[in-house]
Amino acid sequence: MELIDEVKQSFTQLDDAEVFLYPGGVEHGYMLPGHGAAYNEAAAEQSWERTFSLLRRV
């Protein structure tokens, strides 16, 4: 978690950036239903919502 804390700290002074961690220790491929145990439905849904929210603003 030390590295994560460093990354968060480096972004605190930026008004247009956010560091967001998905709970539960998601793995690479967590958004893809075909990735077996890596798939995390709750995190995937939240990630899609955040992605589309961002795209609506740009």
C-alpha atoms as a PDB file:
ATOM      1  CA  MET A   1       0.000   0.000   0.000  1.00  0.00           C
ATOM      2  CA  GLU A   2       2.959   2.331   0.320  1.00  0.00           C
ATOM      3  CA  LEU A   3       3.177   2.794  -3.454  1.00  0.00           C
ATOM      4  CA  ILE A   4      -0.564   3.418  -3.672  1.00  0.00           C
ATOM      5  CA  ASP A   5      -0.300   6.071  -0.969  1.00  0.00           C
ATOM      6  CA  GLU A   6       2.523   7.740  -2.896  1.00  0.00           C
ATOM      7  CA  VAL A   7       0.464   7.784  -6.080  1.00  0.00           C
ATOM      8  CA  LYS A   8      -2.554   9.209  -4.245  1.00  0.00           C
ATOM      9  CA  GLN A   9      -0.387  11.898  -2.680  1.00  0.00           C
ATOM     10  CA  SER A  10       1.058  12.898  -6.049  1.00  0.00           C
ATOM     11  CA  PHE A  11      -2.453  13.535  -7.403  1.00  0.00           C
ATOM     12  CA  THR A  12      -3.875  15.463  -4.437  1.00  0.00           C
ATOM     13  CA  GLN A  13      -2.843  18.827  -5.826  1.00  0.00           C
ATOM     14  CA  LEU A  14      -4.562  18.265  -9.177  1.00  0.00           C
ATOM     15  CA  ASP A  15      -8.141  19.454  -9.553  1.00  0.00           C
ATOM     16  CA  ASP A  16      -8.936  17.246 -12.518  1.00  0.00           C
ATOM     17  CA  ALA A  17      -7.522  13.901 -11.433  1.00  0.00           C
ATOM     18  CA  GLU A  18      -8.651  11.150  -9.115  1.00  0.00           C
ATOM     19  CA  VAL A  19      -7.086   7.930  -7.909  1.00  0.00           C
ATOM     20  CA  PHE A  20      -9.786   5.317  -7.385  1.00  0.00           C
ATOM     21  CA  LEU A  21      -9.197   1.829  -6.007  1.00  0.00           C
ATOM     22  CA  TYR A  22     -11.760  -0.874  -6.535  1.00  0.00           C
ATOM     23  CA  PRO A  23     -12.397  -2.834  -3.342  1.00  0.00           C
ATOM     24  CA  GLY A  24     -11.610  -6.504  -3.086  1.00  0.00           C
ATOM     25  CA  GLY A  25      -8.219  -6.562  -4.756  1.00  0.00           C
ATOM     26  CA  VAL A  26      -9.443  -6.829  -8.338  1.00  0.00           C
ATOM     27  CA  GLU A  27      -7.135  -8.480 -10.850  1.00  0.00           C
ATOM     28  CA  HIS A  28      -6.299  -7.713 -14.476  1.00  0.00           C
ATOM     29  CA  GLY A  29      -9.287  -8.714 -16.568  1.00  0.00           C
ATOM     30  CA  TYR A  30     -11.788  -8.041 -13.785  1.00  0.00           C
ATOM     31  CA  MET A  31     -14.229  -6.451 -16.283  1.00  0.00           C
ATOM     32  CA  LEU A  32     -14.355  -9.432 -18.651  1.00  0.00           C
ATOM     33  CA  PRO A  33     -16.895 -12.166 -17.814  1.00  0.00           C
ATOM     34  CA  GLY A  34     -14.830 -14.759 -19.706  1.00  0.00           C
ATOM     35  CA  HIS A  35     -11.808 -14.309 -17.430  1.00  0.00           C
ATOM     36  CA  GLY A  36     -12.955 -16.794 -14.826  1.00  0.00           C
ATOM     37  CA  ALA A  37     -11.991 -15.992 -11.250  1.00  0.00           C
ATOM     38  CA  ALA A  38     -10.553 -12.596 -12.253  1.00  0.00           C
ATOM     39  CA  TYR A  39     -14.032 -11.380 -13.242  1.00  0.00           C
ATOM     40  CA  ASN A  40     -15.583  -9.206 -10.540  1.00  0.00           C
ATOM     41  CA  GLU A  41     -19.140  -8.279 -11.486  1.00  0.00           C
ATOM     42  CA  ALA A  42     -19.596  -5.515  -8.895  1.00  0.00           C
ATOM     43  CA  ALA A  43     -16.283  -3.849  -9.744  1.00  0.00           C
ATOM     44  CA  ALA A  44     -16.927  -4.238 -13.480  1.00  0.00           C
ATOM     45  CA  GLU A  45     -20.319  -2.553 -13.212  1.00  0.00           C
ATOM     46  CA  GLN A  46     -18.863   0.281 -11.169  1.00  0.00           C
ATOM     47  CA  SER A  47     -16.001   0.646 -13.626  1.00  0.00           C
ATOM     48  CA  TRP A  48     -18.365   0.817 -16.617  1.00  0.00           C
ATOM     49  CA  GLU A  49     -20.454   3.470 -14.847  1.00  0.00           C
ATOM     50  CA  ARG A  50     -17.349   5.547 -14.123  1.00  0.00           C
ATOM     51  CA  THR A  51     -16.061   5.118 -17.682  1.00  0.00           C
ATOM     52  CA  PHE A  52     -19.317   6.246 -19.300  1.00  0.00           C
ATOM     53  CA  SER A  53     -19.588   9.148 -16.864  1.00  0.00           C
ATOM     54  CA  LEU A  54     -16.131  10.310 -17.916  1.00  0.00           C
ATOM     55  CA  LEU A  55     -16.927   9.933 -21.615  1.00  0.00           C
ATOM     56  CA  ARG A  56     -20.108  12.006 -21.251  1.00  0.00           C
ATOM     57  CA  ARG A  57     -17.997  14.887 -19.911  1.00  0.00           C
ATOM     58  CA  VAL A  58     -15.471  14.969 -22.756  1.00  0.00           C
END
